[in-house]
Protein backbone atom coordinates (compact mmCIF):
# COMPACT_ATOMS: atom_id res chain seq x y z
CA MET A 1 21.35 -7.99 -1.69
CA ALA A 2 22.09 -7.34 1.97
CA ASP A 3 22.73 -10.52 3.96
CA ARG A 4 20.39 -9.38 6.70
CA VAL A 5 18.25 -6.26 7.28
CA THR A 6 17.13 -5.39 10.79
CA VAL A 7 14.76 -2.51 11.49
CA ILE A 8 15.13 -1.19 15.01
CA GLY A 9 12.58 1.07 16.67
CA TRP A 10 14.17 3.67 18.94
CA ASP A 11 12.02 5.11 21.72
CA GLY A 12 14.65 6.87 23.81
CA SER A 13 15.50 3.89 25.99
CA PRO A 14 18.75 1.89 25.71
CA PRO A 15 18.63 -0.74 22.96
CA SER A 16 17.79 -4.33 23.85
CA ASP A 17 20.42 -7.07 23.64
CA ALA A 18 19.03 -8.12 20.25
CA ALA A 19 19.14 -4.55 18.95
CA ARG A 20 22.66 -3.98 20.25
CA ALA A 21 23.86 -7.22 18.64
CA ALA A 22 22.39 -6.18 15.29
CA LEU A 23 24.05 -2.77 15.53
CA ASP A 24 27.42 -4.25 16.48
CA ALA A 25 27.30 -6.51 13.41
CA ALA A 26 26.06 -3.82 11.01
CA THR A 27 28.13 -2.78 8.01
CA LEU A 28 25.45 -0.25 6.95
CA VAL A 29 23.18 1.84 9.17
CA ALA A 30 20.36 4.00 7.83
CA GLY A 31 18.43 6.54 9.87
CA THR A 32 17.78 10.21 10.40
CA ARG A 33 20.63 12.42 11.54
CA HIS A 34 19.65 12.17 15.19
CA HIS A 35 19.52 8.36 14.90
CA LEU A 36 22.96 8.19 13.32
CA ALA A 37 24.35 10.38 16.13
CA LEU A 38 23.35 7.83 18.78
CA PRO A 39 26.32 6.35 20.66
CA TYR A 40 25.21 2.80 19.78
CA VAL A 41 25.75 3.30 16.04
CA PRO A 42 29.10 1.80 14.91
CA ALA A 43 31.35 4.49 13.43
CA GLN A 44 32.99 2.07 11.00
CA ALA A 45 29.68 1.18 9.31
CA GLU A 46 28.46 2.98 6.18
CA HIS A 47 25.88 5.62 7.16
CA ILE A 48 22.84 6.58 5.08
CA VAL A 49 20.74 9.58 6.09
CA LEU A 50 17.11 8.68 5.50
CA GLY A 51 15.33 11.05 3.15
CA SER A 52 13.52 9.07 0.51
CA ILE A 53 12.77 5.58 1.87
CA ASP A 54 12.70 4.16 -1.67
CA ILE A 55 16.20 5.46 -2.45
CA ALA A 56 17.51 4.12 0.86
CA ALA A 57 15.84 0.74 0.22
CA ARG A 58 17.53 0.45 -3.18
CA ARG A 59 20.93 1.21 -1.62
CA ILE A 60 20.29 -1.36 1.10
CA ALA A 61 19.23 -3.94 -1.48
CA GLY A 62 22.52 -3.41 -3.32
CA HIS A 63 24.66 -3.58 -0.18
CA ARG A 64 26.80 -6.63 0.52
CA GLY A 65 26.79 -7.07 4.25
CA THR A 66 24.50 -6.58 7.26
CA ALA A 67 22.17 -3.57 7.32
CA VAL A 68 20.29 -1.84 10.13
CA VAL A 69 17.55 0.74 9.68
CA LEU A 70 16.78 2.95 12.69
CA ALA A 71 13.32 4.48 13.07
CA ASP A 72 11.33 6.12 15.84
CA GLY A 73 9.00 4.07 18.02
CA ASP A 74 7.33 1.10 16.37
CA PRO A 75 8.50 1.07 12.73
CA GLY A 76 5.61 -1.22 11.78
CA PHE A 77 3.01 1.36 12.81
CA PHE A 78 2.85 4.09 10.15
CA GLY A 79 6.59 3.56 9.79
CA VAL A 80 9.29 2.39 7.39
CA VAL A 81 8.46 -1.31 7.48
CA ARG A 82 5.72 -1.04 4.85
CA ALA A 83 7.98 0.75 2.38
CA LEU A 84 10.92 -1.58 2.99
CA ARG A 85 8.75 -4.65 2.42
CA ASP A 86 7.59 -3.42 -0.98
CA PRO A 87 8.12 -6.32 -3.42
CA GLU A 88 10.05 -3.92 -5.65
CA HIS A 89 12.97 -4.03 -3.23
CA GLY A 90 12.91 -7.75 -2.40
CA LEU A 91 14.09 -7.18 1.17
CA GLU A 92 13.56 -9.75 3.92
CA ILE A 93 13.58 -7.85 7.19
CA GLU A 94 13.56 -8.49 10.91
CA VAL A 95 11.84 -5.93 13.12
CA ILE A 96 12.77 -5.04 16.70
CA PRO A 97 10.08 -2.55 17.71
CA GLY A 98 10.24 0.18 20.29
CA VAL A 99 7.29 1.77 22.07
CA SER A 100 5.22 3.63 19.50
CA ALA A 101 4.83 7.38 19.84
CA VAL A 102 1.06 6.93 20.08
CA ALA A 103 1.33 4.41 22.92
CA ARG A 104 3.78 6.68 24.74
CA ALA A 105 1.51 9.72 24.28
CA PHE A 106 -1.52 7.96 25.74
CA ALA A 107 0.64 6.64 28.57
CA ARG A 108 1.73 10.19 29.36
CA ALA A 109 -1.95 11.19 29.44
CA GLY A 110 -2.87 8.16 31.58
CA MET A 111 -5.57 7.11 29.13
CA PRO A 112 -6.44 3.81 27.40
CA TRP A 113 -6.28 3.91 23.62
CA ASP A 114 -7.83 0.70 22.34
CA ASP A 115 -10.89 2.79 21.44
CA ALA A 116 -8.91 5.58 19.75
CA ARG A 117 -8.54 6.38 16.07
CA VAL A 118 -5.06 7.10 14.75
CA VAL A 119 -4.54 9.37 11.74
CA VAL A 120 -1.59 10.88 9.90
CA ALA A 121 -1.88 14.60 9.14
CA THR A 122 0.16 15.91 6.22
CA SER A 123 -0.51 18.78 3.84
CA ARG A 124 -2.38 16.25 1.68
CA THR A 125 -4.40 14.49 4.40
CA LEU A 126 -4.93 17.32 6.91
CA ARG A 127 -8.58 18.04 6.06
CA ARG A 128 -9.61 14.38 6.30
CA ALA A 129 -7.65 13.95 9.54
CA VAL A 130 -9.52 16.91 11.04
CA ASN A 131 -12.83 15.40 9.93
CA VAL A 132 -11.95 12.27 11.92
CA CYS A 133 -11.35 14.52 14.93
CA ARG A 134 -14.81 15.99 14.38
CA SER A 135 -16.56 12.62 14.29
CA TYR A 136 -14.66 10.60 16.91
CA PRO A 137 -14.19 11.49 20.59
CA LYS A 138 -10.62 10.18 20.87
CA VAL A 139 -8.08 10.59 18.07
CA ALA A 140 -4.29 10.45 17.97
CA VAL A 141 -2.85 12.67 15.24
CA LEU A 142 0.66 12.05 13.91
CA THR A 143 1.59 15.47 12.60
CA ALA A 144 3.96 16.84 9.97
CA PRO A 145 5.32 20.31 9.19
CA GLY A 146 2.45 22.48 7.98
CA ALA A 147 -0.08 20.07 9.46
CA GLY A 148 0.53 20.44 13.17
CA PRO A 149 -1.54 21.21 16.27
CA ALA A 150 -2.26 24.81 15.25
CA GLU A 151 -3.54 23.82 11.79
CA VAL A 152 -5.71 21.04 13.24
CA ALA A 153 -7.18 23.41 15.84
CA LEU A 154 -7.91 26.13 13.28
CA LEU A 155 -9.78 23.71 11.01
CA LEU A 156 -11.76 22.46 14.02
CA ALA A 157 -13.22 25.95 14.58
CA GLY A 158 -16.62 25.67 16.21
CA VAL A 159 -15.92 22.23 17.69
CA HIS A 160 -14.66 22.08 21.28
CA ARG A 161 -11.93 19.54 21.97
CA THR A 162 -9.07 19.09 24.43
CA PHE A 163 -5.60 18.77 22.90
CA VAL A 164 -2.80 16.82 24.57
CA ILE A 165 0.27 17.90 22.60
CA CYS A 166 3.33 15.69 23.02
CA GLU A 167 6.60 17.14 21.74
CA ALA A 168 9.94 15.31 21.51
CA LEU A 169 8.61 12.21 23.26
CA GLY A 170 11.28 10.06 24.85
CA THR A 171 13.97 12.75 24.73
CA GLU A 172 15.37 15.20 27.24
CA GLN A 173 13.35 17.94 25.49
CA GLU A 174 10.04 16.11 26.01
CA GLN A 175 7.16 18.52 26.64
CA ILE A 176 3.50 17.66 27.28
CA SER A 177 0.91 20.45 26.99
CA VAL A 178 -2.84 20.21 27.61
CA LEU A 179 -4.97 22.97 26.08
CA THR A 180 -8.48 23.53 24.83
CA SER A 181 -8.71 23.70 21.06
CA ASP A 182 -9.38 27.46 21.00
CA LYS A 183 -5.99 28.16 22.64
CA VAL A 184 -3.78 25.85 20.55
CA ALA A 185 -3.20 28.20 17.61
CA ASP A 186 -1.76 30.83 19.97
CA HIS A 187 1.43 28.78 20.41
CA ILE A 188 4.35 27.63 18.27
CA TRP A 189 4.93 23.87 18.33
CA ARG A 190 7.95 21.80 17.38
CA ASP A 191 7.50 19.41 14.44
CA PRO A 192 6.75 16.60 14.27
CA ASN A 193 4.71 15.73 17.33
CA VAL A 194 1.81 13.58 18.50
CA VAL A 195 -1.50 15.24 19.34
CA LEU A 196 -4.29 13.54 21.25
CA VAL A 197 -7.62 15.17 20.39
CA VAL A 198 -10.30 14.19 22.87
CA GLY A 199 -13.69 15.54 23.82
CA GLY A 200 -17.38 15.56 23.20
CA SER A 201 -18.26 14.51 26.75
CA THR A 202 -18.39 15.85 30.28
CA SER A 203 -14.93 16.84 31.46
CA ALA A 204 -13.30 16.96 34.85
CA PRO A 205 -9.86 17.92 36.14
CA GLY A 206 -7.21 15.50 34.92
CA ILE A 207 -3.46 15.11 34.62
CA ALA A 208 -2.84 17.49 37.47
CA ALA A 209 0.90 17.13 37.02
CA LEU A 210 0.62 18.62 33.55
CA GLY A 211 -1.59 21.51 34.59
CA ALA A 212 -3.77 23.23 31.99
CA ALA A 213 -7.04 21.97 30.55
CA PRO A 214 -9.24 19.14 31.86
CA LEU A 215 -9.42 15.76 30.21
CA PRO A 216 -12.56 13.61 30.01
CA ALA A 217 -13.72 12.45 33.39
CA PRO A 218 -13.40 8.83 34.47
CA GLY A 219 -16.69 7.15 33.66
CA SER A 220 -17.56 9.54 30.82
CA ALA A 221 -18.32 8.36 27.29
CA VAL A 222 -14.73 9.06 26.29
CA ALA A 223 -12.94 7.55 29.29
CA ARG A 224 -14.81 4.48 30.51
CA PRO A 225 -12.47 2.45 32.74
CA GLY A 226 -13.25 -1.22 32.45
CA ALA A 227 -15.71 -0.68 29.59
CA GLY A 228 -13.50 -2.65 27.24
CA GLY A 229 -14.52 -3.35 23.71
CA TRP A 230 -13.59 -6.25 21.47
CA ILE A 231 -12.17 -4.33 18.50
CA ALA A 232 -9.74 -1.43 18.32
CA GLY A 233 -10.99 1.97 17.20
CA ARG A 234 -14.63 1.63 18.20
CA ASP A 235 -17.13 2.90 15.64
CA PRO A 236 -19.22 5.97 16.51
CA GLY A 237 -22.67 5.17 17.83
CA PHE A 238 -21.75 1.53 18.54
CA PRO A 239 -23.17 -0.06 20.49
CA GLY A 240 -26.12 2.21 19.74
CA PRO A 241 -29.63 2.08 21.12
CA VAL A 242 -30.89 0.10 18.12
CA ARG A 243 -29.48 -2.00 15.31
CA GLY A 244 -29.60 -0.88 11.68
CA TRP A 245 -29.92 2.35 9.75
CA ALA A 246 -32.69 4.12 7.83
CA LEU A 247 -34.68 3.54 11.01
CA PRO A 248 -38.38 4.40 11.17
CA ALA A 249 -39.10 8.12 11.38
CA SER A 250 -40.63 7.55 14.83
CA GLU A 251 -37.14 6.76 16.18
CA TYR A 252 -36.19 10.39 15.55
CA GLY A 253 -39.52 12.07 16.13
CA GLY A 254 -39.75 13.25 12.52
CA ASP A 255 -41.84 12.56 9.46
CA VAL A 256 -39.31 11.95 6.65
CA PRO A 257 -40.04 8.43 5.35
CA ALA A 258 -37.31 5.93 6.15
CA HIS A 259 -37.07 4.75 2.53
CA VAL A 260 -36.30 8.30 1.36
CA ARG A 261 -33.56 8.56 3.97
CA ALA A 262 -32.21 5.16 2.92
CA VAL A 263 -31.82 6.29 -0.69
CA GLN A 264 -30.27 9.60 0.36
CA LEU A 265 -27.69 7.88 2.59
CA ALA A 266 -26.94 5.28 -0.07
CA ARG A 267 -26.19 7.98 -2.64
CA LEU A 268 -24.22 10.14 -0.19
CA GLY A 269 -22.06 7.20 0.90
CA PRO A 270 -20.76 8.89 4.09
CA ARG A 271 -17.52 7.40 5.43
CA THR A 272 -14.73 8.09 7.88
CA GLY A 273 -12.76 11.18 6.84
CA ASP A 274 -15.71 12.78 5.02
CA LEU A 275 -17.52 15.95 6.03
CA VAL A 276 -21.29 15.88 5.44
CA TRP A 277 -23.48 18.94 5.37
CA ASP A 278 -27.10 18.19 6.32
CA ILE A 279 -29.02 21.34 5.41
CA GLY A 280 -32.55 21.66 6.69
CA SER A 281 -31.73 18.84 9.08
CA ALA A 282 -35.13 19.01 10.86
CA ASP A 283 -35.25 15.91 13.10
CA GLY A 284 -31.55 15.16 12.56
CA ALA A 285 -32.17 11.63 11.30
CA VAL A 286 -29.86 11.89 8.28
CA ALA A 287 -27.22 13.73 10.30
CA VAL A 288 -27.18 11.11 13.04
CA GLU A 289 -27.15 8.14 10.67
CA ALA A 290 -24.38 9.67 8.55
CA ALA A 291 -22.37 10.14 11.76
CA ARG A 292 -22.94 6.49 12.66
CA PHE A 293 -21.15 5.61 9.41
CA GLY A 294 -18.10 7.47 10.74
CA ALA A 295 -18.42 10.74 8.83
CA ALA A 296 -18.08 14.18 10.36
CA VAL A 297 -21.44 15.96 10.14
CA ILE A 298 -22.56 19.57 10.30
CA ALA A 299 -26.34 19.88 10.65
CA VAL A 300 -27.84 23.24 9.68
CA ASP A 301 -31.36 24.34 10.54
CA ARG A 302 -33.09 27.70 10.87
CA ASP A 303 -35.33 26.49 13.72
CA ALA A 304 -33.74 26.81 17.17
CA ASP A 305 -35.95 24.08 18.63
CA ALA A 306 -34.92 21.74 15.82
CA CYS A 307 -31.26 22.46 16.60
CA ASP A 308 -31.82 21.52 20.25
CA TRP A 309 -33.61 18.37 19.13
CA ILE A 310 -30.75 17.36 16.81
CA THR A 311 -28.22 17.91 19.59
CA ALA A 312 -30.21 15.72 21.98
CA THR A 313 -30.74 13.03 19.36
CA ALA A 314 -27.03 12.89 18.52
CA ARG A 315 -26.14 12.63 22.21
CA ARG A 316 -28.68 9.85 22.72
CA SER A 317 -27.27 8.01 19.70
CA GLY A 318 -23.69 8.34 20.90
CA VAL A 319 -22.39 10.31 17.91
CA GLN A 320 -20.72 13.68 17.36
CA VAL A 321 -22.73 16.18 15.28
CA GLN A 322 -21.95 19.90 15.01
CA VAL A 323 -25.22 21.84 14.92
CA VAL A 324 -25.44 25.28 13.28
CA HIS A 325 -28.47 27.49 13.82
CA GLY A 326 -29.02 29.60 10.73
CA THR A 327 -30.71 29.95 7.39
CA ALA A 328 -29.10 28.62 4.23
CA PRO A 329 -27.43 29.73 2.05
CA GLN A 330 -26.13 32.53 4.33
CA ALA A 331 -25.34 30.10 7.15
CA LEU A 332 -23.09 28.06 4.85
CA GLU A 333 -20.57 30.78 4.03
CA ASP A 334 -18.14 30.12 6.89
CA LEU A 335 -18.48 26.34 7.05
CA PRO A 336 -15.54 24.09 6.09
CA GLU A 337 -15.63 22.46 2.66
CA PRO A 338 -17.99 19.46 2.44
CA ASP A 339 -17.41 16.15 0.70
CA VAL A 340 -21.13 15.43 0.26
CA VAL A 341 -24.27 17.45 0.93
CA ARG A 342 -27.84 16.51 1.75
CA ILE A 343 -30.48 19.21 1.33
CA GLY A 344 -33.74 18.56 3.11
CA CYS A 345 -35.56 21.52 1.59
CA ALA A 346 -36.03 21.79 -2.18
CA ASP A 347 -34.58 25.28 -2.55
CA ALA A 348 -32.79 25.98 -5.85
CA ALA A 349 -30.82 28.87 -4.34
CA VAL A 350 -29.47 26.60 -1.60
CA VAL A 351 -28.61 23.93 -4.17
CA ALA A 352 -26.73 26.50 -6.28
CA ALA A 353 -24.78 27.73 -3.24
CA CYS A 354 -23.81 24.17 -2.38
CA ALA A 355 -22.81 23.38 -5.96
CA ALA A 356 -20.48 26.39 -5.90
CA ARG A 357 -18.53 24.67 -3.08
CA ARG A 358 -17.96 21.65 -5.38
CA PRO A 359 -18.77 18.68 -3.11
CA GLU A 360 -18.56 15.29 -4.75
CA ARG A 361 -22.31 14.67 -4.39
CA ILE A 362 -25.43 16.65 -3.57
CA VAL A 363 -28.67 14.86 -2.68
CA ALA A 364 -31.99 16.70 -2.38
CA SER A 365 -35.62 15.72 -2.13
CA ALA A 366 -38.78 17.49 -3.25
CA ALA A 367 -42.48 17.00 -2.68
CA THR A 368 -43.62 18.33 -6.08
CA ARG A 369 -42.40 18.00 -9.66
CA ASP A 370 -42.01 21.76 -10.06
CA ALA A 371 -39.70 21.91 -7.05
CA ALA A 372 -37.79 18.86 -8.30
CA GLU A 373 -37.28 20.44 -11.73
CA ALA A 374 -35.92 23.62 -10.12
CA VAL A 375 -33.41 21.56 -8.14
CA ASP A 376 -32.53 19.62 -11.30
CA ARG A 377 -31.74 22.84 -13.17
CA ALA A 378 -29.61 24.18 -10.33
CA LEU A 379 -27.59 20.95 -10.17
CA THR A 380 -27.12 20.78 -13.93
CA GLU A 381 -26.07 24.42 -14.19
CA GLY A 382 -23.67 23.85 -11.30
CA GLY A 383 -21.79 21.18 -13.24
CA TYR A 384 -23.43 18.03 -11.85
CA THR A 385 -24.77 14.93 -13.56
CA VAL A 386 -28.24 14.34 -12.13
CA GLU A 387 -29.93 11.07 -11.22
CA ARG A 388 -33.71 11.49 -10.84
CA MET A 389 -35.98 9.18 -8.81
CA LEU A 390 -39.63 9.09 -7.88
CA LEU A 391 -40.10 7.05 -4.72
CA GLN A 392 -43.51 5.74 -3.74
CA SER A 393 -44.33 3.77 -0.63
CA VAL A 394 -47.39 2.46 1.14
CA GLU A 395 -47.34 1.66 4.85
CA LEU A 396 -49.55 -1.28 5.75
CA GLY A 397 -51.36 -1.95 9.00
CA SER A 398 -51.57 -5.26 10.85
CA GLY A 399 -54.62 -6.16 8.76
CA TRP A 400 -52.72 -5.35 5.52
CA ASP A 401 -54.77 -2.22 5.16
CA GLU A 402 -53.16 0.92 3.75
CA ARG A 403 -52.26 3.32 6.55
CA ASP A 404 -50.12 5.89 4.77
CA ARG A 405 -49.06 6.51 1.18
CA SER A 406 -46.17 8.83 0.22
CA THR A 407 -44.59 10.05 -3.00
CA ASP A 408 -41.24 11.80 -3.02
CA PHE A 409 -38.82 13.06 -5.66
CA VAL A 410 -35.13 12.42 -4.91
CA LEU A 411 -32.34 13.95 -6.98
CA CYS A 412 -28.69 13.04 -6.72
CA GLY A 413 -26.08 15.23 -8.36
CA THR A 414 -22.59 13.80 -8.97
CA ARG A 415 -19.83 16.27 -9.77
CA ARG A 416 -18.59 16.04 -13.35
């Protein structure tokens, strides 16, 4: 095993005294080709070009001497440290971090980032990363080939955001571009890069030195100077106007009983990275509460007034909800693929159209048994295992008198 392994984060600045001492003593240096070409790397040491981290870690573990691993920025932040510390390799490492690419990107933009979400976009995680950009107003995206700014912008179609695209940070080729999301796909970008995706609030001119699109205005919901939180990556809708979820229908101006909404949300299980379709959204209660759980939400309704109401409710609740005015199933054809779907109207044709998109779960409610059975058949024929519930509730007055009694069928289909 190597006598000592030091991981050094390189951010374009000269190495610290500790980093230089580790490099001078190194008998093995691992890094990408541009790392190994740095003038600080001893020529007499064995060089390993990093491809597979696991293969490099095994070679380091078998090396007799002092090893250094070079990585960009902070190697403990979505970097090589996690892989090198895998118990399989048995490596004890020392880390000398540089400035992370995310910290440098936000510094270039002149924005705080304690309230930002950070995601990694690869060909495997791209869709979920984009969903985070839909649901949060400030996201840093660490990109990869095939999952860069253009791909993120294309999947965000219909959602307006401002992109701060940071290429070759910390190098002589550094380039910062600020564009609205509809213009990003018109350009070719160098990989990899860091993309700040911000928006969802009032904008004003910003970063004049960079030119291009405006960033969120000081004092807006996205950029609140001095409005510090206590935890990094603030949740959507927090602090919201009220505590809890499955709030009374009166909070949203609708008439769907809170207990029905509670069951629907429990079965949907919306979470960060998911995309929820709320079809027949009506008062927007399910859409808003799903967004408060961190999911991206598209609310669909055929009533224009309802769409305006949903938009206002989402804004009041501090969450991001994309609202689509149209009639299902036709309005669903161009929407991105959902993870879970809630259908507010018991329409078998809509259920069948949703099942054809293969979300993990579909939840629907019905007022009558005939309507519930039609939904049941559509879910079963679509390849879903169906859970059937009959929910009954009685609202009591201050004198324990019955004020309102409701009966609702709820069906939850789980993809087989």
